[in-house]
Amino acid sequence: MKFLINGYWKDDEVHFYDYIVTSETNPPNPDYYFFEGITEDEIKKAIKDGVKSDFEFVITSYKPY
């Protein structure tokens, strides 16, 4: 599945909007995606974890793409 995520970078808190991510681990056009191999459950967990997530960024919201 593909999703649009909103969030910000942890280091400088610069916000980003509508970045495309996919649950596929080897998508056919990898340059098209901000992040690969992330499931909807992982996105939900990252939103819940906030700055404590394992990513270099914080996801604040998402929607299917």
PDB file of N, CA and C in Angstrom:
ATOM      1  N   MET A   1       0.829  -1.200   0.000  1.00  0.00           N
ATOM      2  CA  MET A   1       0.000   0.000   0.000  1.00  0.00           C
ATOM      3  C   MET A   1       0.862   1.247   0.000  1.00  0.00           C
ATOM      4  N   LYS A   2       0.275   2.309  -0.477  1.00  0.00           N
ATOM      5  CA  LYS A   2       0.962   3.593  -0.502  1.00  0.00           C
ATOM      6  C   LYS A   2       0.222   4.564   0.406  1.00  0.00           C
ATOM      7  N   PHE A   3       0.993   5.453   1.031  1.00  0.00           N
ATOM      8  CA  PHE A   3       0.424   6.439   1.947  1.00  0.00           C
ATOM      9  C   PHE A   3       1.093   7.791   1.735  1.00  0.00           C
ATOM     10  N   LEU A   4       0.386   8.840   2.105  1.00  0.00           N
ATOM     11  CA  LEU A   4       0.951  10.186   2.180  1.00  0.00           C
ATOM     12  C   LEU A   4       1.137  10.486   3.658  1.00  0.00           C
ATOM     13  N   ILE A   5       2.338  10.894   4.035  1.00  0.00           N
ATOM     14  CA  ILE A   5       2.586  11.220   5.438  1.00  0.00           C
ATOM     15  C   ILE A   5       2.950  12.693   5.584  1.00  0.00           C
ATOM     16  N   ASN A   6       2.608  13.228   6.730  1.00  0.00           N
ATOM     17  CA  ASN A   6       3.010  14.578   7.134  1.00  0.00           C
ATOM     18  C   ASN A   6       3.826  14.430   8.404  1.00  0.00           C
ATOM     19  N   GLY A   7       4.741  15.350   8.607  1.00  0.00           N
ATOM     20  CA  GLY A   7       5.551  15.285   9.809  1.00  0.00           C
ATOM     21  C   GLY A   7       6.639  16.337   9.807  1.00  0.00           C
ATOM     22  N   TYR A   8       7.695  16.045  10.553  1.00  0.00           N
ATOM     23  CA  TYR A   8       8.830  16.961  10.621  1.00  0.00           C
ATOM     24  C   TYR A   8      10.091  16.197  10.988  1.00  0.00           C
ATOM     25  N   TRP A   9      11.220  16.798  10.646  1.00  0.00           N
ATOM     26  CA  TRP A   9      12.528  16.215  10.957  1.00  0.00           C
ATOM     27  C   TRP A   9      12.845  16.474  12.421  1.00  0.00           C
ATOM     28  N   LYS A  10      13.393  15.486  13.095  1.00  0.00           N
ATOM     29  CA  LYS A  10      13.710  15.621  14.522  1.00  0.00           C
ATOM     30  C   LYS A  10      14.811  16.644  14.775  1.00  0.00           C
ATOM     31  N   ASP A  11      15.802  16.691  13.903  1.00  0.00           N
ATOM     32  CA  ASP A  11      16.961  17.541  14.178  1.00  0.00           C
ATOM     33  C   ASP A  11      16.683  19.038  14.068  1.00  0.00           C
ATOM     34  N   ASP A  12      15.891  19.439  13.089  1.00  0.00           N
ATOM     35  CA  ASP A  12      15.672  20.878  12.906  1.00  0.00           C
ATOM     36  C   ASP A  12      14.192  21.271  12.904  1.00  0.00           C
ATOM     37  N   GLU A  13      13.318  20.282  13.085  1.00  0.00           N
ATOM     38  CA  GLU A  13      11.874  20.492  13.153  1.00  0.00           C
ATOM     39  C   GLU A  13      11.276  21.131  11.896  1.00  0.00           C
ATOM     40  N   VAL A  14      11.936  20.946  10.759  1.00  0.00           N
ATOM     41  CA  VAL A  14      11.390  21.414   9.484  1.00  0.00           C
ATOM     42  C   VAL A  14      10.265  20.458   9.083  1.00  0.00           C
ATOM     43  N   HIS A  15       9.109  21.019   8.815  1.00  0.00           N
ATOM     44  CA  HIS A  15       7.925  20.219   8.491  1.00  0.00           C
ATOM     45  C   HIS A  15       7.935  19.771   7.034  1.00  0.00           C
ATOM     46  N   PHE A  16       7.298  18.628   6.790  1.00  0.00           N
ATOM     47  CA  PHE A  16       7.088  18.155   5.429  1.00  0.00           C
ATOM     48  C   PHE A  16       5.643  17.679   5.310  1.00  0.00           C
ATOM     49  N   TYR A  17       5.135  17.689   4.088  1.00  0.00           N
ATOM     50  CA  TYR A  17       3.740  17.366   3.836  1.00  0.00           C
ATOM     51  C   TYR A  17       3.609  16.467   2.614  1.00  0.00           C
ATOM     52  N   ASP A  18       2.712  15.517   2.702  1.00  0.00           N
ATOM     53  CA  ASP A  18       2.355  14.651   1.570  1.00  0.00           C
ATOM     54  C   ASP A  18       3.552  13.925   0.964  1.00  0.00           C
ATOM     55  N   TYR A  19       4.440  13.442   1.812  1.00  0.00           N
ATOM     56  CA  TYR A  19       5.535  12.602   1.326  1.00  0.00           C
ATOM     57  C   TYR A  19       4.977  11.210   1.065  1.00  0.00           C
ATOM     58  N   ILE A  20       5.313  10.627  -0.054  1.00  0.00           N
ATOM     59  CA  ILE A  20       4.784   9.326  -0.448  1.00  0.00           C
ATOM     60  C   ILE A  20       5.673   8.219   0.118  1.00  0.00           C
ATOM     61  N   VAL A  21       5.037   7.295   0.825  1.00  0.00           N
ATOM     62  CA  VAL A  21       5.732   6.118   1.350  1.00  0.00           C
ATOM     63  C   VAL A  21       4.989   4.875   0.866  1.00  0.00           C
ATOM     64  N   THR A  22       5.683   3.739   0.906  1.00  0.00           N
ATOM     65  CA  THR A  22       5.071   2.488   0.456  1.00  0.00           C
ATOM     66  C   THR A  22       5.435   1.346   1.383  1.00  0.00           C
ATOM     67  N   SER A  23       4.552   0.386   1.469  1.00  0.00           N
ATOM     68  CA  SER A  23       4.836  -0.804   2.265  1.00  0.00           C
ATOM     69  C   SER A  23       5.697  -1.796   1.470  1.00  0.00           C
ATOM     70  N   GLU A  24       5.842  -1.586   0.181  1.00  0.00           N
ATOM     71  CA  GLU A  24       6.685  -2.460  -0.640  1.00  0.00           C
ATOM     72  C   GLU A  24       8.145  -2.300  -0.247  1.00  0.00           C
ATOM     73  N   THR A  25       8.875  -3.401  -0.228  1.00  0.00           N
ATOM     74  CA  THR A  25      10.297  -3.317   0.114  1.00  0.00           C
ATOM     75  C   THR A  25      11.188  -3.096  -1.101  1.00  0.00           C
ATOM     76  N   ASN A  26      10.720  -3.491  -2.267  1.00  0.00           N
ATOM     77  CA  ASN A  26      11.481  -3.274  -3.507  1.00  0.00           C
ATOM     78  C   ASN A  26      10.550  -2.754  -4.593  1.00  0.00           C
ATOM     79  N   PRO A  27      10.070  -1.519  -4.449  1.00  0.00           N
ATOM     80  CA  PRO A  27       9.139  -1.002  -5.451  1.00  0.00           C
ATOM     81  C   PRO A  27       9.835  -0.806  -6.798  1.00  0.00           C
ATOM     82  N   PRO A  28       9.063  -0.839  -7.880  1.00  0.00           N
ATOM     83  CA  PRO A  28       9.657  -0.725  -9.213  1.00  0.00           C
ATOM     84  C   PRO A  28      10.334   0.617  -9.482  1.00  0.00           C
ATOM     85  N   ASN A  29       9.904   1.681  -8.841  1.00  0.00           N
ATOM     86  CA  ASN A  29      10.491   3.000  -9.059  1.00  0.00           C
ATOM     87  C   ASN A  29      10.848   3.618  -7.699  1.00  0.00           C
ATOM     88  N   PRO A  30      11.940   3.162  -7.063  1.00  0.00           N
ATOM     89  CA  PRO A  30      12.245   3.572  -5.688  1.00  0.00           C
ATOM     90  C   PRO A  30      12.487   5.068  -5.500  1.00  0.00           C
ATOM     91  N   ASP A  31      12.923   5.766  -6.527  1.00  0.00           N
ATOM     92  CA  ASP A  31      13.170   7.208  -6.391  1.00  0.00           C
ATOM     93  C   ASP A  31      11.876   7.995  -6.202  1.00  0.00           C
ATOM     94  N   TYR A  32      10.760   7.378  -6.488  1.00  0.00           N
ATOM     95  CA  TYR A  32       9.453   8.014  -6.374  1.00  0.00           C
ATOM     96  C   TYR A  32       9.013   8.141  -4.915  1.00  0.00           C
ATOM     97  N   TYR A  33       9.568   7.313  -4.036  1.00  0.00           N
ATOM     98  CA  TYR A  33       9.117   7.230  -2.649  1.00  0.00           C
ATOM     99  C   TYR A  33      10.090   7.872  -1.676  1.00  0.00           C
ATOM    100  N   PHE A  34       9.521   8.494  -0.651  1.00  0.00           N
ATOM    101  CA  PHE A  34      10.320   9.048   0.437  1.00  0.00           C
ATOM    102  C   PHE A  34      10.868   7.919   1.312  1.00  0.00           C
ATOM    103  N   PHE A  35      10.054   6.890   1.520  1.00  0.00           N
ATOM    104  CA  PHE A  35      10.435   5.795   2.402  1.00  0.00           C
ATOM    105  C   PHE A  35       9.773   4.516   1.908  1.00  0.00           C
ATOM    106  N   GLU A  36      10.496   3.410   1.987  1.00  0.00           N
ATOM    107  CA  GLU A  36       9.985   2.116   1.523  1.00  0.00           C
ATOM    108  C   GLU A  36       9.884   1.141   2.692  1.00  0.00           C
ATOM    109  N   GLY A  37       8.973   0.179   2.568  1.00  0.00           N
ATOM    110  CA  GLY A  37       8.895  -0.901   3.531  1.00  0.00           C
ATOM    111  C   GLY A  37       8.255  -0.547   4.855  1.00  0.00           C
ATOM    112  N   ILE A  38       7.405   0.463   4.882  1.00  0.00           N
ATOM    113  CA  ILE A  38       6.730   0.851   6.116  1.00  0.00           C
ATOM    114  C   ILE A  38       5.242   0.504   5.995  1.00  0.00           C
ATOM    115  N   THR A  39       4.759  -0.243   6.952  1.00  0.00           N
ATOM    116  CA  THR A  39       3.359  -0.675   6.926  1.00  0.00           C
ATOM    117  C   THR A  39       2.475   0.357   7.616  1.00  0.00           C
ATOM    118  N   GLU A  40       1.185   0.193   7.439  1.00  0.00           N
ATOM    119  CA  GLU A  40       0.247   1.106   8.100  1.00  0.00           C
ATOM    120  C   GLU A  40       0.363   0.990   9.617  1.00  0.00           C
ATOM    121  N   ASP A  41       0.543  -0.218  10.127  1.00  0.00           N
ATOM    122  CA  ASP A  41       0.707  -0.391  11.574  1.00  0.00           C
ATOM    123  C   ASP A  41       1.965   0.306  12.083  1.00  0.00           C
ATOM    124  N   GLU A  42       3.038   0.266  11.304  1.00  0.00           N
ATOM    125  CA  GLU A  42       4.273   0.957  11.688  1.00  0.00           C
ATOM    126  C   GLU A  42       4.081   2.472  11.658  1.00  0.00           C
ATOM    127  N   ILE A  43       3.320   2.959  10.703  1.00  0.00           N
ATOM    128  CA  ILE A  43       3.016   4.395  10.649  1.00  0.00           C
ATOM    129  C   ILE A  43       2.226   4.804  11.884  1.00  0.00           C
ATOM    130  N   LYS A  44       1.205   4.021  12.225  1.00  0.00           N
ATOM    131  CA  LYS A  44       0.395   4.319  13.414  1.00  0.00           C
ATOM    132  C   LYS A  44       1.254   4.317  14.676  1.00  0.00           C
ATOM    133  N   LYS A  45       2.169   3.345  14.777  1.00  0.00           N
ATOM    134  CA  LYS A  45       3.059   3.279  15.935  1.00  0.00           C
ATOM    135  C   LYS A  45       3.979   4.495  15.979  1.00  0.00           C
ATOM    136  N   ALA A  46       4.506   4.903  14.826  1.00  0.00           N
ATOM    137  CA  ALA A  46       5.390   6.063  14.764  1.00  0.00           C
ATOM    138  C   ALA A  46       4.648   7.330  15.186  1.00  0.00           C
ATOM    139  N   ILE A  47       3.388   7.452  14.802  1.00  0.00           N
ATOM    140  CA  ILE A  47       2.592   8.612  15.213  1.00  0.00           C
ATOM    141  C   ILE A  47       2.426   8.596  16.731  1.00  0.00           C
ATOM    142  N   LYS A  48       2.116   7.436  17.268  1.00  0.00           N
ATOM    143  CA  LYS A  48       1.932   7.299  18.718  1.00  0.00           C
ATOM    144  C   LYS A  48       3.233   7.583  19.469  1.00  0.00           C
ATOM    145  N   ASP A  49       4.366   7.081  18.944  1.00  0.00           N
ATOM    146  CA  ASP A  49       5.667   7.260  19.605  1.00  0.00           C
ATOM    147  C   ASP A  49       6.210   8.676  19.495  1.00  0.00           C
ATOM    148  N   GLY A  50       5.803   9.410  18.476  1.00  0.00           N
ATOM    149  CA  GLY A  50       6.266  10.788  18.292  1.00  0.00           C
ATOM    150  C   GLY A  50       7.776  10.867  18.174  1.00  0.00           C
ATOM    151  N   VAL A  51       8.395  11.728  18.964  1.00  0.00           N
ATOM    152  CA  VAL A  51       9.850  11.922  18.877  1.00  0.00           C
ATOM    153  C   VAL A  51      10.628  10.706  19.361  1.00  0.00           C
ATOM    154  N   LYS A  52       9.970   9.791  20.020  1.00  0.00           N
ATOM    155  CA  LYS A  52      10.635   8.582  20.503  1.00  0.00           C
ATOM    156  C   LYS A  52      10.684   7.477  19.447  1.00  0.00           C
ATOM    157  N   SER A  53      10.135   7.732  18.266  1.00  0.00           N
ATOM    158  CA  SER A  53      10.160   6.722  17.206  1.00  0.00           C
ATOM    159  C   SER A  53      11.597   6.465  16.758  1.00  0.00           C
ATOM    160  N   ASP A  54      11.804   5.365  16.061  1.00  0.00           N
ATOM    161  CA  ASP A  54      13.138   4.996  15.589  1.00  0.00           C
ATOM    162  C   ASP A  54      13.573   5.754  14.340  1.00  0.00           C
ATOM    163  N   PHE A  55      12.677   6.507  13.755  1.00  0.00           N
ATOM    164  CA  PHE A  55      12.988   7.225  12.527  1.00  0.00           C
ATOM    165  C   PHE A  55      13.677   8.563  12.825  1.00  0.00           C
ATOM    166  N   GLU A  56      14.295   9.139  11.808  1.00  0.00           N
ATOM    167  CA  GLU A  56      14.937  10.452  11.927  1.00  0.00           C
ATOM    168  C   GLU A  56      13.916  11.571  11.807  1.00  0.00           C
ATOM    169  N   PHE A  57      12.672  11.198  11.648  1.00  0.00           N
ATOM    170  CA  PHE A  57      11.585  12.153  11.482  1.00  0.00           C
ATOM    171  C   PHE A  57      10.404  11.714  12.333  1.00  0.00           C
ATOM    172  N   VAL A  58       9.491  12.644  12.573  1.00  0.00           N
ATOM    173  CA  VAL A  58       8.270  12.384  13.323  1.00  0.00           C
ATOM    174  C   VAL A  58       7.114  12.406  12.333  1.00  0.00           C
ATOM    175  N   ILE A  59       6.288  11.377  12.365  1.00  0.00           N
ATOM    176  CA  ILE A  59       5.093  11.359  11.527  1.00  0.00           C
ATOM    177  C   ILE A  59       3.937  11.891  12.369  1.00  0.00           C
ATOM    178  N   THR A  60       3.258  12.906  11.858  1.00  0.00           N
ATOM    179  CA  THR A  60       2.143  13.495  12.606  1.00  0.00           C
ATOM    180  C   THR A  60       0.783  13.060  12.083  1.00  0.00           C
ATOM    181  N   SER A  61       0.700  12.682  10.810  1.00  0.00           N
ATOM    182  CA  SER A  61      -0.550  12.200  10.241  1.00  0.00           C
ATOM    183  C   SER A  61      -0.256  11.459   8.939  1.00  0.00           C
ATOM    184  N   TYR A  62      -1.260  10.738   8.478  1.00  0.00           N
ATOM    185  CA  TYR A  62      -1.119  10.001   7.213  1.00  0.00           C
ATOM    186  C   TYR A  62      -2.506   9.753   6.625  1.00  0.00           C
ATOM    187  N   LYS A  63      -2.490   9.396   5.349  1.00  0.00           N
ATOM    188  CA  LYS A  63      -3.723   8.981   4.677  1.00  0.00           C
ATOM    189  C   LYS A  63      -3.343   8.086   3.511  1.00  0.00           C
ATOM    190  N   PRO A  64      -4.250   7.217   3.084  1.00  0.00           N
ATOM    191  CA  PRO A  64      -3.950   6.371   1.928  1.00  0.00           C
ATOM    192  C   PRO A  64      -3.691   7.223   0.689  1.00  0.00           C
ATOM    193  N   TYR A  65      -2.868   6.715  -0.190  1.00  0.00           N
ATOM    194  CA  TYR A  65      -2.535   7.422  -1.426  1.00  0.00           C
ATOM    195  C   TYR A  65      -3.202   6.752  -2.587  1.00  0.00           C
TER     196      TYR A  65
END
